[in-house]
Amino acid sequence: MKRVLLIIFGSFCFLSYATPHQIVSNDVLYFWSGAVTHHSARVNIVFERAAEKVRIACATSLNFENPIYSAYQSVTEATGFAAGFEITGLASNTRYYYAAEIDGKLDLSPDDIGSFQTFQEGAFSYSFLVGACNLFPNNPVYDHMRAQNALFYLNVGDLHYANPNSTDVNVHREAYEDRVLSREREMKLLRNTPIAYVWDDHDFCGDNNDGNNGCGPAAKQAYKEYVPHYPLGDPDGPTGIYQAFTVGRVRFIMADLRSERKDGRIMSQKQKEWLKNQMRQAKQNGQIIAWITSVSFSGTGKDNWGGFPEDREEMGNFFRDEKIENMFILSGDAHMSAIDNGTHSDFSKERNNPNRYPIFQSAALNNIGTDKGGEYSEGGTFPNPPFTGQFGVVTVTDYGGTDICINFKTYRLNLIFDQLIELLDFDFCRTLPEVPITEAANTTWLKQIAPRSYEIRLPEAGDLDLKVFDSVGTAYVKQYTKEAGEITLLDLSMLAAGTYFVKVESNKKLMVQKIVLE
């Protein structure tokens, strides 16, 4: 098989390797990055042939001065000529370029250089992409995703539809090559945007397949060889690719709800305990939890959480009893865009959990729409019609104080006319307990002039999108004006006493400020 895969996280990196014969640039077939932190990243590469010594070089400029290198590895046919490299010692909040060093020479061919940005250390604001269900590879939707300039791309299942239902690892390797890594539009995104990815059924062992036919170990082997991933919760087990990572003050916990289904359970007991411990630790660390569940948590189908009521009730009871307050849920599988404010996320036995967990259902990147059940408060399910693509953008606004605000936004692309429209837009905020304020937000743009009146002053003229909402996302004021360069008056006399958030978007800048009306 012909493969060179390059995976990156963090700054830009380079792949370097030496062999008995000089390897030229076309020996690097594919590359992408992932597993980014504030000081490290991972790059996976698929090569044309074997090599004795390979490594990655990362640098902050395209001339690759003073690069940082990964450790050497060998590339063999046993791994499908693929290798994954970890690069450490990177600076935070920095863009890096990466490339392959071949027999002591860097491959600086434009098509063989990628990039990524390391995460900022501590609290910061950022956006990331959310997508699932990639039936038709090389879809124009990826061009519009790339234009968002997101920090990373979270794929929540069905990265491809090869349905590799086989115990032969080569079938699973070829699925990544043929349906993802060789697709130009998708790879333009992935070469410069690191990925975090957990599978569902079509990219695991086939439609509705749980791997009990023995294909799971081959699927996991190919995943570990080809996909840049964070440390797995059970790295040596025959199945299970669940993993977790932190970005700012949000802990992302990615469940594997496909490969360990058995005896009427959606996941193994080992994964379930890992999941609960991850959530406990996130709560203790004062973090917001982003729980990634590839199938709909509020769904009613046999193949999503609706088919596993005992497990869903157990998790619902756990959320209630452990007082998990600050969490939101990201899902794929159902080919629809839908958002719930958390009023339909309580599946504890008595339905008496006082906490709300907003749900963002973001799919399909390109597939005909399906509604797989569940109730959604914010605008319906929007199953995507033919000739469209859909994706989501999540924006985290965190100035370092006690409040973190989250925005869900979903887009639909008309493939025939190449027109992108906004489908859903939902904001909510959460307060982290016992977290000291480390940095005050810039509030010079918002000035209180009376008990219920404010002035909004923005330095540049341009369109202004204004929203006032409470902590659970109920919007009370939403307006659009073209006076952002002048003083905009905000009258809140109609609101009751309480805590609210004022959000302004102007010239691609986003600002959120908490206010208290007495």
Protein backbone atom coordinates (compact mmCIF):
# COMPACT_ATOMS: atom_id res chain seq x y z
CA MET A 1 0.00 0.00 0.00
CA LYS A 2 1.15 3.51 -0.77
CA ARG A 3 1.01 5.65 2.38
CA VAL A 4 2.74 8.56 4.06
CA LEU A 5 0.73 10.12 6.84
CA LEU A 6 1.76 13.20 8.72
CA ILE A 7 -0.17 14.28 11.83
CA ILE A 8 0.48 17.48 13.72
CA PHE A 9 -0.47 19.34 16.90
CA GLY A 10 0.88 22.56 18.23
CA SER A 11 3.32 24.64 16.18
CA PHE A 12 4.49 23.75 12.74
CA CYS A 13 6.50 20.58 12.59
CA PHE A 14 8.72 18.67 10.17
CA LEU A 15 9.17 15.03 9.56
CA SER A 16 12.76 13.86 9.35
CA TYR A 17 14.11 10.46 8.43
CA ALA A 18 17.29 8.87 7.08
CA THR A 19 17.44 5.67 5.04
CA PRO A 20 20.12 3.76 3.11
CA HIS A 21 18.87 5.61 0.03
CA GLN A 22 17.81 9.21 -0.17
CA ILE A 23 14.02 9.58 0.00
CA VAL A 24 12.59 12.26 -2.23
CA SER A 25 9.57 14.43 -1.53
CA ASN A 26 7.05 12.15 -3.21
CA ASP A 27 7.80 9.48 -0.59
CA VAL A 28 5.57 11.43 1.81
CA LEU A 29 2.06 10.47 0.83
CA TYR A 30 -0.20 11.87 3.55
CA PHE A 31 0.11 13.87 6.75
CA TRP A 32 -2.07 15.46 9.41
CA SER A 33 -1.78 16.61 13.01
CA GLY A 34 -3.60 16.26 16.31
CA ALA A 35 -3.21 15.76 20.07
CA VAL A 36 -2.22 19.39 20.52
CA THR A 37 -1.58 20.82 23.98
CA HIS A 38 0.02 24.10 25.05
CA HIS A 39 3.49 22.54 24.72
CA SER A 40 3.21 19.51 22.42
CA ALA A 41 1.55 18.00 19.35
CA ARG A 42 1.42 14.80 17.37
CA VAL A 43 2.05 14.27 13.66
CA ASN A 44 1.24 11.09 11.73
CA ILE A 45 2.70 10.39 8.32
CA VAL A 46 2.16 7.66 5.75
CA PHE A 47 5.16 6.93 3.53
CA GLU A 48 5.65 5.37 0.15
CA ARG A 49 8.09 2.80 1.48
CA ALA A 50 10.15 1.71 4.46
CA ALA A 51 12.78 3.92 6.12
CA GLU A 52 15.27 3.14 8.88
CA LYS A 53 15.14 6.49 10.67
CA VAL A 54 12.44 9.15 10.48
CA ARG A 55 11.62 12.16 12.58
CA ILE A 56 9.60 15.39 12.52
CA ALA A 57 11.00 18.92 12.62
CA CYS A 58 8.88 21.86 13.79
CA ALA A 59 9.67 25.55 13.43
CA THR A 60 7.96 28.90 13.82
CA SER A 61 8.89 30.07 10.31
CA LEU A 62 8.87 28.58 6.83
CA ASN A 63 12.64 28.76 6.59
CA PHE A 64 12.79 26.29 9.50
CA GLU A 65 15.41 28.08 11.52
CA ASN A 66 16.16 26.47 14.91
CA PRO A 67 13.68 23.60 14.48
CA ILE A 68 12.49 21.32 17.27
CA TYR A 69 12.69 17.62 16.43
CA SER A 70 10.79 14.53 17.47
CA ALA A 71 12.54 11.29 18.34
CA TYR A 72 13.60 9.01 15.51
CA GLN A 73 11.43 6.10 14.43
CA SER A 74 11.64 3.43 11.78
CA VAL A 75 8.96 3.00 9.15
CA THR A 76 8.09 -0.54 8.12
CA GLU A 77 5.50 -2.45 6.15
CA ALA A 78 4.21 -3.90 9.44
CA THR A 79 2.62 -0.54 10.26
CA GLY A 80 1.49 0.16 6.71
CA PHE A 81 4.47 2.52 6.30
CA ALA A 82 2.75 4.87 8.76
CA ALA A 83 4.27 6.42 11.86
CA GLY A 84 3.17 8.83 14.57
CA PHE A 85 5.55 11.35 16.14
CA GLU A 86 5.20 13.34 19.34
CA ILE A 87 6.80 16.78 19.42
CA THR A 88 7.38 18.31 22.86
CA GLY A 89 9.00 21.45 24.20
CA LEU A 90 6.85 23.78 22.08
CA ALA A 91 5.92 27.32 23.07
CA SER A 92 2.29 27.97 23.95
CA ASN A 93 -0.07 29.97 21.72
CA THR A 94 2.34 29.68 18.79
CA ARG A 95 1.89 28.62 15.19
CA TYR A 96 4.37 26.01 13.98
CA TYR A 97 5.21 24.65 10.56
CA TYR A 98 6.18 21.03 10.11
CA ALA A 99 7.83 19.07 7.30
CA ALA A 100 9.84 15.91 6.63
CA GLU A 101 13.60 15.79 6.90
CA ILE A 102 14.87 13.22 4.41
CA ASP A 103 18.35 11.78 4.87
CA GLY A 104 19.31 14.95 6.71
CA LYS A 105 17.49 17.22 4.24
CA LEU A 106 14.17 18.88 4.90
CA ASP A 107 11.45 18.30 2.35
CA LEU A 108 10.24 21.84 1.81
CA SER A 109 7.89 21.07 -1.05
CA PRO A 110 4.80 23.28 -0.50
CA ASP A 111 2.51 20.26 -0.63
CA ASP A 112 4.49 18.52 2.13
CA ILE A 113 4.43 21.32 4.74
CA GLY A 114 1.68 21.65 7.32
CA SER A 115 0.98 23.82 10.32
CA PHE A 116 -0.89 23.98 13.62
CA GLN A 117 -1.17 26.30 16.60
CA THR A 118 -0.45 25.26 20.15
CA PHE A 119 -3.03 26.06 22.80
CA GLN A 120 -2.63 29.00 25.12
CA GLU A 121 -1.78 28.10 28.69
CA GLY A 122 -4.47 28.92 31.25
CA ALA A 123 -7.75 30.67 30.48
CA PHE A 124 -8.32 31.97 26.95
CA SER A 125 -11.01 32.31 24.30
CA TYR A 126 -11.12 30.22 21.12
CA SER A 127 -13.36 28.54 18.52
CA PHE A 128 -13.37 24.99 17.20
CA LEU A 129 -15.17 23.13 14.43
CA VAL A 130 -17.60 20.26 15.02
CA GLY A 131 -18.61 17.82 12.31
CA ALA A 132 -19.68 14.24 11.62
CA CYS A 133 -21.04 11.93 8.92
CA ASN A 134 -18.76 12.42 5.91
CA LEU A 135 -20.52 10.33 3.23
CA PHE A 136 -19.15 12.13 0.16
CA PRO A 137 -15.43 12.90 0.55
CA ASN A 138 -13.86 16.01 -0.95
CA ASN A 139 -17.02 18.01 -0.37
CA PRO A 140 -16.94 21.86 -0.73
CA VAL A 141 -18.14 22.12 2.88
CA TYR A 142 -14.49 21.73 3.91
CA ASP A 143 -13.55 24.97 2.12
CA HIS A 144 -16.04 26.86 4.29
CA MET A 145 -14.87 25.07 7.43
CA ARG A 146 -11.31 26.10 6.66
CA ALA A 147 -12.41 29.74 6.30
CA GLN A 148 -13.48 29.75 9.99
CA ASN A 149 -9.81 29.73 11.11
CA ALA A 150 -10.67 27.49 14.05
CA LEU A 151 -8.16 26.27 16.63
CA PHE A 152 -8.97 22.60 15.96
CA TYR A 153 -11.49 20.30 14.28
CA LEU A 154 -13.52 17.93 16.47
CA ASN A 155 -14.93 15.05 14.44
CA VAL A 156 -17.55 13.19 16.48
CA GLY A 157 -17.92 10.11 14.31
CA ASP A 158 -18.18 8.73 10.77
CA LEU A 159 -15.06 10.44 9.48
CA HIS A 160 -15.64 8.22 6.45
CA TYR A 161 -18.24 5.75 5.16
CA ALA A 162 -15.92 2.98 3.97
CA ASN A 163 -17.66 0.51 6.34
CA PRO A 164 -14.45 -1.55 6.81
CA ASN A 165 -16.13 -4.66 8.24
CA SER A 166 -13.02 -6.84 8.25
CA THR A 167 -10.44 -8.41 10.54
CA ASP A 168 -7.75 -7.43 7.99
CA VAL A 169 -5.98 -4.28 9.19
CA ASN A 170 -5.17 -3.30 5.60
CA VAL A 171 -8.88 -2.80 4.91
CA HIS A 172 -9.03 -0.25 7.73
CA ARG A 173 -5.78 1.43 6.64
CA GLU A 174 -7.03 1.78 3.08
CA ALA A 175 -10.26 3.35 4.34
CA TYR A 176 -8.31 6.25 5.89
CA GLU A 177 -6.21 6.65 2.76
CA ASP A 178 -8.95 6.36 0.16
CA ARG A 179 -11.77 8.19 1.94
CA VAL A 180 -9.93 10.87 3.95
CA LEU A 181 -6.21 11.41 3.39
CA SER A 182 -6.28 11.44 -0.41
CA ARG A 183 -9.17 13.93 -0.59
CA GLU A 184 -7.86 17.36 -1.54
CA ARG A 185 -10.47 19.64 0.03
CA GLU A 186 -10.57 17.77 3.31
CA MET A 187 -6.79 17.62 3.55
CA LYS A 188 -6.43 21.36 2.91
CA LEU A 189 -8.32 21.73 6.17
CA LEU A 190 -6.49 18.98 8.04
CA ARG A 191 -2.98 20.01 6.98
CA ASN A 192 -3.35 23.27 8.89
CA THR A 193 -6.03 22.44 11.47
CA PRO A 194 -5.32 19.70 14.04
CA ILE A 195 -7.95 17.05 14.55
CA ALA A 196 -9.50 15.38 17.60
CA TYR A 197 -11.53 12.39 16.48
CA VAL A 198 -13.53 9.46 17.82
CA TRP A 199 -15.26 6.96 15.55
CA ASP A 200 -18.85 5.79 15.24
CA ASP A 201 -20.04 2.87 13.10
CA HIS A 202 -19.27 3.61 9.42
CA ASP A 203 -15.63 4.42 10.17
CA PHE A 204 -15.29 1.57 12.67
CA CYS A 205 -16.63 -1.74 11.35
CA GLY A 206 -19.70 -0.84 9.29
CA ASP A 207 -23.30 0.34 9.56
CA ASN A 208 -24.65 -0.30 13.10
CA ASN A 209 -21.76 -2.70 13.74
CA ASP A 210 -20.48 -3.08 17.31
CA GLY A 211 -17.38 -5.09 16.40
CA ASN A 212 -18.51 -8.34 17.97
CA ASN A 213 -17.56 -10.12 14.74
CA GLY A 214 -13.90 -9.63 15.65
CA CYS A 215 -13.08 -6.59 13.50
CA GLY A 216 -12.42 -4.30 16.50
CA PRO A 217 -8.70 -5.08 17.03
CA ALA A 218 -7.87 -4.38 13.37
CA ALA A 219 -9.84 -1.11 13.50
CA LYS A 220 -7.98 0.00 16.64
CA GLN A 221 -4.59 -0.93 15.19
CA ALA A 222 -5.21 1.17 12.08
CA TYR A 223 -6.51 4.07 14.22
CA LYS A 224 -3.35 4.05 16.35
CA GLU A 225 -1.11 3.91 13.27
CA TYR A 226 -2.86 6.54 11.18
CA VAL A 227 -4.73 8.97 13.43
CA PRO A 228 -3.07 11.66 15.56
CA HIS A 229 -4.73 11.12 18.91
CA TYR A 230 -4.42 11.94 22.59
CA PRO A 231 -3.35 9.19 25.04
CA LEU A 232 -6.02 6.49 25.03
CA GLY A 233 -7.83 5.52 28.20
CA ASP A 234 -7.09 1.87 27.46
CA PRO A 235 -4.12 1.91 25.06
CA ASP A 236 -3.38 -1.82 25.20
CA GLY A 237 -6.94 -3.15 25.14
CA PRO A 238 -8.25 -4.89 22.01
CA THR A 239 -10.80 -2.11 21.43
CA GLY A 240 -11.67 1.27 22.88
CA ILE A 241 -10.26 4.62 21.69
CA TYR A 242 -11.75 6.84 24.43
CA GLN A 243 -9.52 9.79 25.39
CA ALA A 244 -9.57 13.24 27.01
CA PHE A 245 -7.76 16.56 26.64
CA THR A 246 -7.90 20.11 28.00
CA VAL A 247 -8.15 23.41 26.12
CA GLY A 248 -8.06 26.41 28.42
CA ARG A 249 -10.53 25.65 31.20
CA VAL A 250 -12.63 23.16 29.25
CA ARG A 251 -12.03 19.43 29.67
CA PHE A 252 -13.00 17.50 26.52
CA ILE A 253 -13.97 13.90 27.29
CA MET A 254 -14.42 11.70 24.20
CA ALA A 255 -16.37 8.49 24.76
CA ASP A 256 -16.12 5.47 22.44
CA LEU A 257 -19.74 4.33 22.19
CA ARG A 258 -19.26 1.88 19.36
CA SER A 259 -16.44 -0.63 19.80
CA GLU A 260 -17.29 -1.88 23.31
CA ARG A 261 -21.01 -2.51 23.02
CA LYS A 262 -21.87 -5.89 24.49
CA ASP A 263 -24.68 -7.61 26.38
CA GLY A 264 -27.03 -4.65 26.05
CA ARG A 265 -24.47 -2.11 27.27
CA ILE A 266 -23.25 0.85 25.23
CA MET A 267 -19.75 0.78 26.71
CA SER A 268 -17.58 -1.46 28.86
CA GLN A 269 -17.55 -1.14 32.63
CA LYS A 270 -13.89 -0.14 32.42
CA GLN A 271 -14.69 2.77 30.11
CA LYS A 272 -17.65 3.78 32.23
CA GLU A 273 -15.47 4.06 35.34
CA TRP A 274 -12.85 5.97 33.35
CA LEU A 275 -15.56 8.35 32.13
CA LYS A 276 -16.93 8.98 35.62
CA ASN A 277 -13.45 9.58 37.03
CA GLN A 278 -12.66 12.04 34.24
CA MET A 279 -15.81 13.99 35.08
CA ARG A 280 -15.06 13.97 38.81
CA GLN A 281 -11.54 15.27 38.20
CA ALA A 282 -12.78 18.00 35.84
CA LYS A 283 -15.24 19.17 38.51
CA GLN A 284 -12.50 19.15 41.17
CA ASN A 285 -10.23 21.15 38.86
CA GLY A 286 -12.87 23.82 38.26
CA GLN A 287 -13.29 22.96 34.57
CA ILE A 288 -16.23 23.04 32.20
CA ILE A 289 -16.89 19.55 30.78
CA ALA A 290 -17.41 19.04 27.06
CA TRP A 291 -18.69 15.47 26.76
CA ILE A 292 -18.38 14.02 23.25
CA THR A 293 -20.86 11.23 22.63
CA SER A 294 -20.92 10.11 19.00
CA VAL A 295 -24.59 9.09 19.15
CA SER A 296 -27.50 11.21 20.39
CA PHE A 297 -27.79 11.26 24.18
CA SER A 298 -31.46 12.27 24.01
CA GLY A 299 -32.22 10.07 20.98
CA THR A 300 -34.97 7.48 20.85
CA GLY A 301 -33.47 5.02 18.36
CA LYS A 302 -32.11 1.56 19.04
CA ASP A 303 -28.64 2.51 17.82
CA ASN A 304 -28.24 5.61 20.02
CA TRP A 305 -28.68 6.13 23.78
CA GLY A 306 -32.40 5.43 23.40
CA GLY A 307 -31.50 1.77 22.83
CA PHE A 308 -29.55 1.62 26.10
CA PRO A 309 -31.96 3.04 28.71
CA GLU A 310 -30.20 1.42 31.69
CA ASP A 311 -26.87 3.00 30.80
CA ARG A 312 -28.47 6.37 30.13
CA GLU A 313 -30.30 6.32 33.45
CA GLU A 314 -27.10 5.29 35.23
CA MET A 315 -25.24 8.24 33.74
CA GLY A 316 -28.17 10.56 34.52
CA ASN A 317 -28.12 9.43 38.16
CA PHE A 318 -24.35 9.94 38.26
CA PHE A 319 -24.62 13.52 36.94
CA ARG A 320 -27.26 14.30 39.57
CA ASP A 321 -25.66 12.56 42.54
CA GLU A 322 -22.13 13.85 41.82
CA LYS A 323 -23.53 17.36 41.30
CA ILE A 324 -22.02 17.75 37.86
CA GLU A 325 -23.05 21.35 37.18
CA ASN A 326 -20.93 22.66 34.32
CA MET A 327 -21.20 20.40 31.29
CA PHE A 328 -22.35 20.50 27.67
CA ILE A 329 -22.76 17.63 25.21
CA LEU A 330 -21.60 17.37 21.57
CA SER A 331 -23.03 14.65 19.32
CA GLY A 332 -23.02 13.38 15.75
CA ASP A 333 -24.66 10.37 14.04
CA ALA A 334 -28.11 11.87 13.44
CA HIS A 335 -27.97 13.78 10.16
CA MET A 336 -29.44 16.97 11.54
CA SER A 337 -28.61 20.23 13.25
CA ALA A 338 -30.30 20.64 16.60
CA ILE A 339 -29.67 22.45 19.88
CA ASP A 340 -31.27 21.92 23.26
CA ASN A 341 -30.81 24.35 26.14
CA GLY A 342 -30.57 21.47 28.60
CA THR A 343 -34.23 21.13 29.55
CA HIS A 344 -34.37 17.72 27.83
CA SER A 345 -31.03 16.32 29.01
CA ASP A 346 -32.09 14.89 32.40
CA PHE A 347 -32.35 11.09 32.28
CA SER A 348 -31.95 10.40 35.99
CA LYS A 349 -34.49 7.93 37.37
CA GLU A 350 -36.68 10.57 39.00
CA ARG A 351 -35.92 13.27 36.41
CA ASN A 352 -34.90 15.55 39.28
CA ASN A 353 -31.44 16.80 38.31
CA PRO A 354 -31.52 20.61 38.76
CA ASN A 355 -28.58 21.14 36.37
CA ARG A 356 -28.92 21.75 32.64
CA TYR A 357 -26.59 20.28 30.04
CA PRO A 358 -26.96 21.99 26.66
CA ILE A 359 -26.78 19.59 23.71
CA PHE A 360 -25.35 20.41 20.29
CA GLN A 361 -26.28 17.97 17.53
CA SER A 362 -24.08 18.85 14.53
CA ALA A 363 -24.32 16.66 11.41
CA ALA A 364 -24.14 15.74 8.64
CA LEU A 365 -21.11 17.13 6.86
CA ASN A 366 -22.63 15.66 3.74
CA ASN A 367 -25.45 13.14 3.89
CA ILE A 368 -29.21 13.15 3.49
CA GLY A 369 -31.00 14.20 6.69
CA THR A 370 -32.34 11.86 9.36
CA ASP A 371 -34.07 12.64 12.64
CA LYS A 372 -33.13 10.01 15.25
CA GLY A 373 -35.30 11.29 18.03
CA GLY A 374 -34.98 13.55 21.01
CA GLU A 375 -36.45 16.92 21.97
CA TYR A 376 -34.58 20.12 21.17
CA SER A 377 -35.59 23.52 22.47
CA GLU A 378 -33.70 25.84 20.16
CA GLY A 379 -35.25 25.75 16.73
CA GLY A 380 -35.91 22.13 15.79
CA THR A 381 -33.90 19.41 14.17
CA PHE A 382 -33.22 20.75 10.65
CA PRO A 383 -32.56 17.46 8.84
CA ASN A 384 -30.31 18.39 5.94
CA PRO A 385 -31.86 18.00 2.47
CA PRO A 386 -29.97 16.66 -0.58
CA PHE A 387 -27.13 18.75 -2.02
CA THR A 388 -26.23 20.38 1.29
CA GLY A 389 -23.49 20.15 3.87
CA GLN A 390 -23.61 21.13 7.53
CA PHE A 391 -21.07 21.81 10.25
CA GLY A 392 -20.92 23.48 13.64
CA VAL A 393 -18.70 26.08 15.29
CA VAL A 394 -18.34 26.26 19.07
CA THR A 395 -16.88 29.45 20.57
CA VAL A 396 -15.57 29.54 24.14
CA THR A 397 -15.30 33.02 25.68
CA ASP A 398 -13.14 32.93 28.80
CA TYR A 399 -11.48 36.06 30.23
CA GLY A 400 -10.11 34.20 33.24
CA GLY A 401 -12.84 35.10 35.74
CA THR A 402 -15.53 32.95 37.26
CA ASP A 403 -17.77 32.93 34.17
CA ILE A 404 -17.22 31.04 30.91
CA CYS A 405 -19.61 31.60 28.01
CA ILE A 406 -20.24 29.12 25.19
CA ASN A 407 -21.79 29.73 21.78
CA PHE A 408 -23.18 27.00 19.50
CA LYS A 409 -23.59 27.97 15.86
CA THR A 410 -24.47 25.67 12.98
CA TYR A 411 -24.18 26.35 9.26
CA ARG A 412 -25.66 24.82 6.13
CA LEU A 413 -23.97 24.99 2.73
CA ASN A 414 -26.04 24.82 -0.46
CA LEU A 415 -23.68 22.82 -2.65
CA ILE A 416 -25.34 23.86 -5.90
CA PHE A 417 -25.05 27.63 -5.35
CA ASP A 418 -22.13 27.53 -2.87
CA GLN A 419 -24.18 29.58 -0.41
CA LEU A 420 -23.57 29.32 3.33
CA ILE A 421 -26.39 30.18 5.74
CA GLU A 422 -26.63 30.20 9.53
CA LEU A 423 -29.19 27.74 10.91
CA LEU A 424 -28.95 27.98 14.69
CA ASP A 425 -27.26 30.29 17.19
CA PHE A 426 -27.35 29.65 20.96
CA ASP A 427 -25.44 31.18 23.88
CA PHE A 428 -25.15 30.13 27.51
CA CYS A 429 -22.75 30.82 30.39
CA ARG A 430 -21.60 28.86 33.40
CA THR A 431 -20.03 30.01 36.66
CA LEU A 432 -17.10 28.02 38.01
CA PRO A 433 -17.23 27.68 41.81
CA GLU A 434 -14.38 28.96 43.95
CA VAL A 435 -12.30 30.15 41.02
CA PRO A 436 -10.45 33.43 41.69
CA ILE A 437 -10.61 36.14 39.06
CA THR A 438 -7.19 36.25 37.38
CA GLU A 439 -7.88 38.70 34.59
CA ALA A 440 -10.60 41.29 34.18
CA ALA A 441 -12.43 41.47 30.89
CA ASN A 442 -12.03 44.59 28.80
CA THR A 443 -15.22 46.45 29.64
CA THR A 444 -14.39 49.82 28.07
CA TRP A 445 -16.94 49.06 25.34
CA LEU A 446 -19.86 48.77 27.81
CA LYS A 447 -20.71 51.62 30.18
CA GLN A 448 -23.67 51.81 32.56
CA ILE A 449 -25.36 55.23 32.41
CA ALA A 450 -28.53 54.43 34.43
CA PRO A 451 -29.88 51.47 36.45
CA ARG A 452 -31.32 49.88 33.29
CA SER A 453 -29.39 51.69 30.54
CA TYR A 454 -25.98 51.10 28.96
CA GLU A 455 -23.84 52.60 26.23
CA ILE A 456 -21.94 50.41 23.78
CA ARG A 457 -18.89 52.09 22.27
CA LEU A 458 -16.81 50.20 19.71
CA PRO A 459 -13.68 51.73 18.17
CA GLU A 460 -14.40 50.77 14.56
CA ALA A 461 -17.45 51.31 12.42
CA GLY A 462 -19.21 48.23 11.14
CA ASP A 463 -22.13 45.90 11.61
CA LEU A 464 -22.99 45.03 15.18
CA ASP A 465 -24.78 41.90 16.39
CA LEU A 466 -26.09 42.34 19.94
CA LYS A 467 -27.62 39.80 22.29
CA VAL A 468 -28.57 39.89 25.97
CA PHE A 469 -29.20 36.49 27.59
CA ASP A 470 -29.23 34.78 30.96
CA SER A 471 -26.94 31.98 32.16
CA VAL A 472 -29.07 29.18 30.67
CA GLY A 473 -29.26 30.81 27.26
CA THR A 474 -32.67 32.49 27.25
CA ALA A 475 -32.29 35.50 24.94
CA TYR A 476 -34.17 38.65 25.96
CA VAL A 477 -32.70 41.21 23.58
CA LYS A 478 -31.36 40.50 20.14
CA GLN A 479 -30.90 43.16 17.52
CA TYR A 480 -28.81 44.06 14.55
CA THR A 481 -27.61 47.58 13.84
CA LYS A 482 -25.10 49.37 11.66
CA GLU A 483 -23.94 51.89 14.26
CA ALA A 484 -21.02 50.06 15.78
CA GLY A 485 -18.70 53.00 15.21
CA GLU A 486 -20.96 55.31 17.17
CA ILE A 487 -22.67 55.13 20.56
CA THR A 488 -25.35 52.42 20.71
CA LEU A 489 -27.86 52.75 23.53
CA LEU A 490 -29.04 49.58 25.26
CA ASP A 491 -32.29 49.89 27.22
CA LEU A 492 -32.96 46.97 29.59
CA SER A 493 -35.86 48.48 31.49
CA MET A 494 -38.08 45.54 30.54
CA LEU A 495 -35.90 42.97 32.36
CA ALA A 496 -36.41 41.75 35.89
CA ALA A 497 -33.63 41.91 38.48
CA GLY A 498 -31.01 39.25 37.94
CA THR A 499 -27.76 38.29 36.25
CA TYR A 500 -27.41 38.67 32.48
CA PHE A 501 -24.73 38.64 29.82
CA VAL A 502 -24.28 41.21 27.05
CA LYS A 503 -22.68 39.80 23.91
CA VAL A 504 -21.49 41.89 20.97
CA GLU A 505 -20.03 40.65 17.69
CA SER A 506 -18.54 43.26 15.37
CA ASN A 507 -15.89 43.03 12.65
CA LYS A 508 -15.27 39.39 13.58
CA LYS A 509 -14.55 40.37 17.19
CA LEU A 510 -16.58 38.89 20.03
CA MET A 511 -17.02 40.42 23.49
CA VAL A 512 -19.12 39.20 26.41
CA GLN A 513 -19.72 41.06 29.66
CA LYS A 514 -21.66 39.99 32.74
CA ILE A 515 -24.08 42.52 34.24
CA VAL A 516 -26.27 42.41 37.35
CA LEU A 517 -29.56 44.29 37.38
CA GLU A 518 -30.65 45.20 40.90
